[in-house]
Amino acid sequence: MRYEELTIEGRNAVLEALRSGKPIDKLFVLEGCQDGPIRSITREAKKHDTIVKFVARERLDQMSETKKHQGVIAFAAAYEYAQIEDMLALAQERKEAPFLFLLDGIEDPHNLGAIIRTANLAGAHGVIIPKNRAVGLTATVAKASAGALNYTPVAKVTNLSHTIRELKEQGLWFVCADMAGEAMYRLDLKGPVGLVIGSEGEGVSKLVRENCDFMAAIPMRGEINSLNASVAAGVLAYEIVRQRMG
């Protein structure tokens, strides 16, 4: 499977990509550069809520593939982001209770790709990721998903806690992975559910955790006490699948 080019370099190319509405994850601009074309690019980026980072020339040179970046490099999404409404519509179309994954701070593209793959296989209707402090839909994510990105919608939101509160109003309830929680086998995980998975280092952030209805712990029997984020997502997702099938 072929994936589109993920980096866009040069002032005209970046400006045209932004104006065309192409989904841009991040924009890297030469720090201290304030000429007219750069100002036009940063202004356009702000209109689209694109994250803009000002970096040293050495950093841009390292990132550049063409070596003709002209002080600006954009990282485009490998796939277009979906809307949460698309996910709820998909659940309705399948006549199923909504089942969503919400990922809090997953920065490793291989983990994100693996979780999207698991979400697809578990029959989830979509994956929601935050705009900041998390990896977007890069080529590595697309490859790690093993094609699942073609079928499983991914939405990007500004505030996960706010999104959870909005989805609660539509009847969903939320369970997050947390070692301090109740053993997952003792929880009723049926119905319209959002599964919240945190980063490997930090886990689910305090604010997001406080908005969840339950905390689910995966029983651990070994000498170490944590699982890779994508493995934890798979274990919890398939407990949800087991209960939904029952």
Protein backbone atom coordinates (compact mmCIF):
# COMPACT_ATOMS: atom_id res chain seq x y z
CA MET A 1 0.00 0.00 0.00
CA ARG A 2 1.34 3.44 -0.90
CA TYR A 3 1.14 6.35 1.54
CA GLU A 4 1.17 9.97 0.52
CA GLU A 5 4.20 12.17 1.18
CA LEU A 6 4.09 13.33 4.78
CA THR A 7 6.42 16.34 4.70
CA ILE A 8 5.76 19.46 2.65
CA GLU A 9 8.71 21.82 2.24
CA GLY A 10 9.11 25.31 0.82
CA ARG A 11 7.03 28.44 1.25
CA ASN A 12 4.74 28.16 -1.79
CA ALA A 13 4.09 24.44 -1.30
CA VAL A 14 3.23 24.86 2.39
CA LEU A 15 1.02 27.92 1.80
CA GLU A 16 -0.91 26.15 -0.98
CA ALA A 17 -1.36 23.04 1.17
CA LEU A 18 -2.83 25.14 3.99
CA ARG A 19 -5.10 27.12 1.66
CA SER A 20 -6.38 23.92 0.04
CA GLY A 21 -7.53 22.63 3.43
CA LYS A 22 -5.08 19.71 3.47
CA PRO A 23 -4.91 18.39 7.05
CA ILE A 24 -1.58 19.61 8.47
CA ASP A 25 -0.52 18.21 11.86
CA LYS A 26 2.38 20.53 12.62
CA LEU A 27 4.18 23.44 11.01
CA PHE A 28 7.88 24.08 11.73
CA VAL A 29 9.10 27.62 11.03
CA LEU A 30 12.59 29.13 11.25
CA GLU A 31 12.76 31.04 14.53
CA GLY A 32 13.19 34.79 14.17
CA CYS A 33 11.95 34.80 10.56
CA GLN A 34 9.18 37.39 10.20
CA ASP A 35 9.12 38.31 6.52
CA GLY A 36 5.89 38.65 4.51
CA PRO A 37 5.62 35.10 3.13
CA ILE A 38 6.31 33.54 6.54
CA ARG A 39 3.72 35.78 8.17
CA SER A 40 1.17 34.71 5.52
CA ILE A 41 1.94 31.04 6.25
CA THR A 42 1.65 31.37 10.05
CA ARG A 43 -1.56 33.41 9.67
CA GLU A 44 -3.08 30.71 7.45
CA ALA A 45 -1.93 27.99 9.87
CA LYS A 46 -3.69 29.72 12.78
CA LYS A 47 -6.93 29.82 10.77
CA HIS A 48 -6.79 26.02 10.55
CA ASP A 49 -5.73 25.52 14.20
CA THR A 50 -2.43 24.01 13.04
CA ILE A 51 0.27 23.70 15.71
CA VAL A 52 3.16 26.07 14.82
CA LYS A 53 6.64 25.48 16.25
CA PHE A 54 9.53 27.92 15.81
CA VAL A 55 12.83 26.04 15.61
CA ALA A 56 16.52 26.65 14.85
CA ARG A 57 17.86 26.32 11.29
CA GLU A 58 19.83 23.21 12.33
CA ARG A 59 16.60 21.45 13.27
CA LEU A 60 14.96 22.33 9.95
CA ASP A 61 18.05 21.16 8.07
CA GLN A 62 17.92 17.82 9.89
CA MET A 63 14.21 17.38 9.11
CA SER A 64 14.47 18.43 5.50
CA GLU A 65 14.46 15.80 2.76
CA THR A 66 14.81 18.24 -0.15
CA LYS A 67 17.37 20.53 1.57
CA LYS A 68 15.34 23.43 0.10
CA HIS A 69 12.93 24.09 2.95
CA GLN A 70 13.13 27.93 2.75
CA GLY A 71 12.60 28.13 6.51
CA VAL A 72 9.33 26.17 6.63
CA ILE A 73 8.35 22.48 6.79
CA ALA A 74 4.82 21.14 7.27
CA PHE A 75 3.88 17.66 8.46
CA ALA A 76 0.66 16.54 6.80
CA ALA A 77 -1.63 13.78 8.07
CA ALA A 78 -1.37 10.48 6.24
CA TYR A 79 -5.15 10.28 6.22
CA GLU A 80 -7.90 12.81 6.74
CA TYR A 81 -9.35 13.02 10.21
CA ALA A 82 -12.97 12.02 10.76
CA GLN A 83 -15.63 13.70 12.90
CA ILE A 84 -16.98 12.05 16.04
CA GLU A 85 -20.44 12.28 14.45
CA ASP A 86 -19.15 9.89 11.73
CA MET A 87 -18.35 7.31 14.40
CA LEU A 88 -21.76 7.55 16.06
CA ALA A 89 -23.41 7.31 12.64
CA LEU A 90 -21.36 4.17 11.90
CA ALA A 91 -22.59 2.58 15.15
CA GLN A 92 -26.17 3.47 14.24
CA GLU A 93 -25.73 2.06 10.74
CA ARG A 94 -24.49 -1.23 12.21
CA LYS A 95 -27.30 -1.19 14.81
CA GLU A 96 -24.71 -1.45 17.60
CA ALA A 97 -24.10 0.44 20.84
CA PRO A 98 -21.24 2.92 20.23
CA PHE A 99 -17.77 1.62 21.14
CA LEU A 100 -14.98 4.23 20.97
CA PHE A 101 -11.29 4.32 21.89
CA LEU A 102 -9.96 7.58 23.41
CA LEU A 103 -6.18 7.89 23.63
CA ASP A 104 -4.60 10.25 26.14
CA GLY A 105 -1.04 11.22 25.22
CA ILE A 106 0.08 8.31 23.01
CA GLU A 107 3.31 9.61 21.46
CA ASP A 108 4.74 6.45 19.90
CA PRO A 109 3.50 6.04 16.30
CA HIS A 110 3.87 2.24 16.43
CA ASN A 111 1.63 2.13 19.51
CA LEU A 112 -0.98 4.37 17.88
CA GLY A 113 -0.98 2.25 14.72
CA ALA A 114 -1.29 -0.96 16.73
CA ILE A 115 -4.18 0.47 18.78
CA ILE A 116 -6.05 1.54 15.61
CA ARG A 117 -5.55 -2.00 14.29
CA THR A 118 -6.94 -3.47 17.54
CA ALA A 119 -9.87 -1.01 17.47
CA ASN A 120 -10.77 -2.23 13.99
CA LEU A 121 -10.53 -5.92 14.90
CA ALA A 122 -12.55 -5.40 18.08
CA GLY A 123 -15.35 -3.77 16.10
CA ALA A 124 -14.90 -0.28 17.59
CA HIS A 125 -16.54 2.55 15.69
CA GLY A 126 -13.64 4.98 15.95
CA VAL A 127 -10.55 6.29 17.72
CA ILE A 128 -10.25 9.77 19.25
CA ILE A 129 -6.86 11.40 19.82
CA PRO A 130 -5.90 14.80 21.28
CA LYS A 131 -4.37 17.58 19.22
CA ASN A 132 -1.45 18.28 21.59
CA ARG A 133 1.21 16.09 23.18
CA ALA A 134 0.30 13.11 21.02
CA VAL A 135 1.33 11.63 17.69
CA GLY A 136 -0.90 12.32 14.66
CA LEU A 137 -1.63 10.15 11.63
CA THR A 138 1.91 9.82 10.29
CA ALA A 139 3.09 7.32 7.67
CA THR A 140 4.54 5.13 10.46
CA VAL A 141 1.13 5.06 12.16
CA ALA A 142 -0.56 4.17 8.88
CA LYS A 143 1.85 1.29 8.25
CA ALA A 144 1.62 0.00 11.84
CA SER A 145 -2.18 -0.06 11.54
CA ALA A 146 -1.82 -2.69 8.77
CA GLY A 147 -4.53 -1.06 6.67
CA ALA A 148 -6.98 -0.47 9.55
CA LEU A 149 -6.87 3.30 8.90
CA ASN A 150 -8.80 2.65 5.70
CA TYR A 151 -11.76 1.39 7.75
CA THR A 152 -11.57 2.83 11.27
CA PRO A 153 -12.23 6.58 11.56
CA VAL A 154 -9.83 8.67 13.67
CA ALA A 155 -10.87 12.06 15.06
CA LYS A 156 -8.59 14.69 16.57
CA VAL A 157 -9.95 16.91 19.37
CA THR A 158 -8.63 19.90 21.31
CA ASN A 159 -9.78 18.72 24.74
CA LEU A 160 -10.38 15.07 25.63
CA SER A 161 -12.17 15.86 28.92
CA HIS A 162 -14.60 18.17 27.14
CA THR A 163 -15.19 15.50 24.47
CA ILE A 164 -15.93 12.90 27.15
CA ARG A 165 -18.46 15.21 28.81
CA GLU A 166 -20.18 15.86 25.47
CA LEU A 167 -20.36 12.15 24.66
CA LYS A 168 -21.79 11.40 28.11
CA GLU A 169 -24.73 13.62 27.15
CA GLN A 170 -25.27 11.28 24.18
CA GLY A 171 -25.47 8.24 26.43
CA LEU A 172 -21.90 6.94 26.46
CA TRP A 173 -20.07 6.07 29.66
CA PHE A 174 -16.29 5.82 30.05
CA VAL A 175 -13.81 3.37 31.49
CA CYS A 176 -10.11 4.13 31.73
CA ALA A 177 -7.17 1.80 32.17
CA ASP A 178 -5.68 2.36 35.63
CA MET A 179 -3.73 0.01 37.91
CA ALA A 180 -5.57 1.45 40.93
CA GLY A 181 -8.97 0.53 39.50
CA GLU A 182 -11.32 -2.43 39.87
CA ALA A 183 -10.29 -5.69 38.17
CA MET A 184 -11.76 -5.49 34.65
CA TYR A 185 -13.57 -8.85 35.01
CA ARG A 186 -15.69 -7.41 37.84
CA LEU A 187 -16.93 -4.43 35.81
CA ASP A 188 -20.01 -4.34 33.59
CA LEU A 189 -18.50 -3.13 30.30
CA LYS A 190 -21.57 -3.55 28.08
CA GLY A 191 -23.57 -0.79 26.41
CA PRO A 192 -22.35 2.44 24.74
CA VAL A 193 -18.77 2.72 25.98
CA GLY A 194 -15.60 4.75 25.56
CA LEU A 195 -12.33 2.99 26.44
CA VAL A 196 -9.68 5.48 27.59
CA ILE A 197 -6.01 4.48 27.31
CA GLY A 198 -3.15 6.65 28.61
CA SER A 199 0.51 6.92 27.72
CA GLU A 200 2.99 4.31 28.94
CA GLY A 201 4.88 6.73 31.16
CA GLU A 202 2.09 8.88 32.60
CA GLY A 203 -1.03 6.75 32.20
CA VAL A 204 -4.37 8.55 31.89
CA SER A 205 -4.03 12.18 33.00
CA LYS A 206 -5.74 13.25 36.24
CA LEU A 207 -8.30 15.53 34.54
CA VAL A 208 -9.32 12.90 31.98
CA ARG A 209 -9.46 10.19 34.66
CA GLU A 210 -11.76 12.34 36.80
CA ASN A 211 -14.22 12.51 33.88
CA CYS A 212 -14.35 8.70 33.54
CA ASP A 213 -17.07 6.64 35.19
CA PHE A 214 -14.88 3.64 36.07
CA MET A 215 -11.23 2.68 36.31
CA ALA A 216 -10.36 -0.82 35.08
CA ALA A 217 -7.25 -2.69 36.19
CA ILE A 218 -5.74 -5.57 34.23
CA PRO A 219 -4.73 -8.35 36.64
CA MET A 220 -0.92 -8.70 36.73
CA ARG A 221 0.76 -11.93 37.82
CA GLY A 222 4.40 -11.30 36.91
CA GLU A 223 7.31 -9.44 38.43
CA ILE A 224 6.80 -6.26 36.40
CA ASN A 225 3.64 -4.22 36.81
CA SER A 226 2.86 -2.52 33.51
CA LEU A 227 1.91 -3.40 29.95
CA ASN A 228 2.75 -1.66 26.70
CA ALA A 229 -0.09 0.81 25.94
CA SER A 230 -1.19 -0.99 22.79
CA VAL A 231 -1.22 -4.38 24.57
CA ALA A 232 -3.26 -2.93 27.47
CA ALA A 233 -5.71 -1.49 24.91
CA GLY A 234 -6.05 -4.93 23.32
CA VAL A 235 -6.62 -6.76 26.60
CA LEU A 236 -9.32 -4.31 27.77
CA ALA A 237 -10.94 -4.06 24.34
CA TYR A 238 -11.39 -7.80 24.15
CA GLU A 239 -12.94 -7.97 27.62
CA ILE A 240 -15.46 -5.44 26.27
CA VAL A 241 -15.94 -7.62 23.15
CA ARG A 242 -16.45 -10.73 25.33
CA GLN A 243 -19.10 -9.01 27.43
CA ARG A 244 -20.87 -7.52 24.40
CA MET A 245 -21.02 -10.96 22.74
CA GLY A 246 -22.46 -12.46 25.93
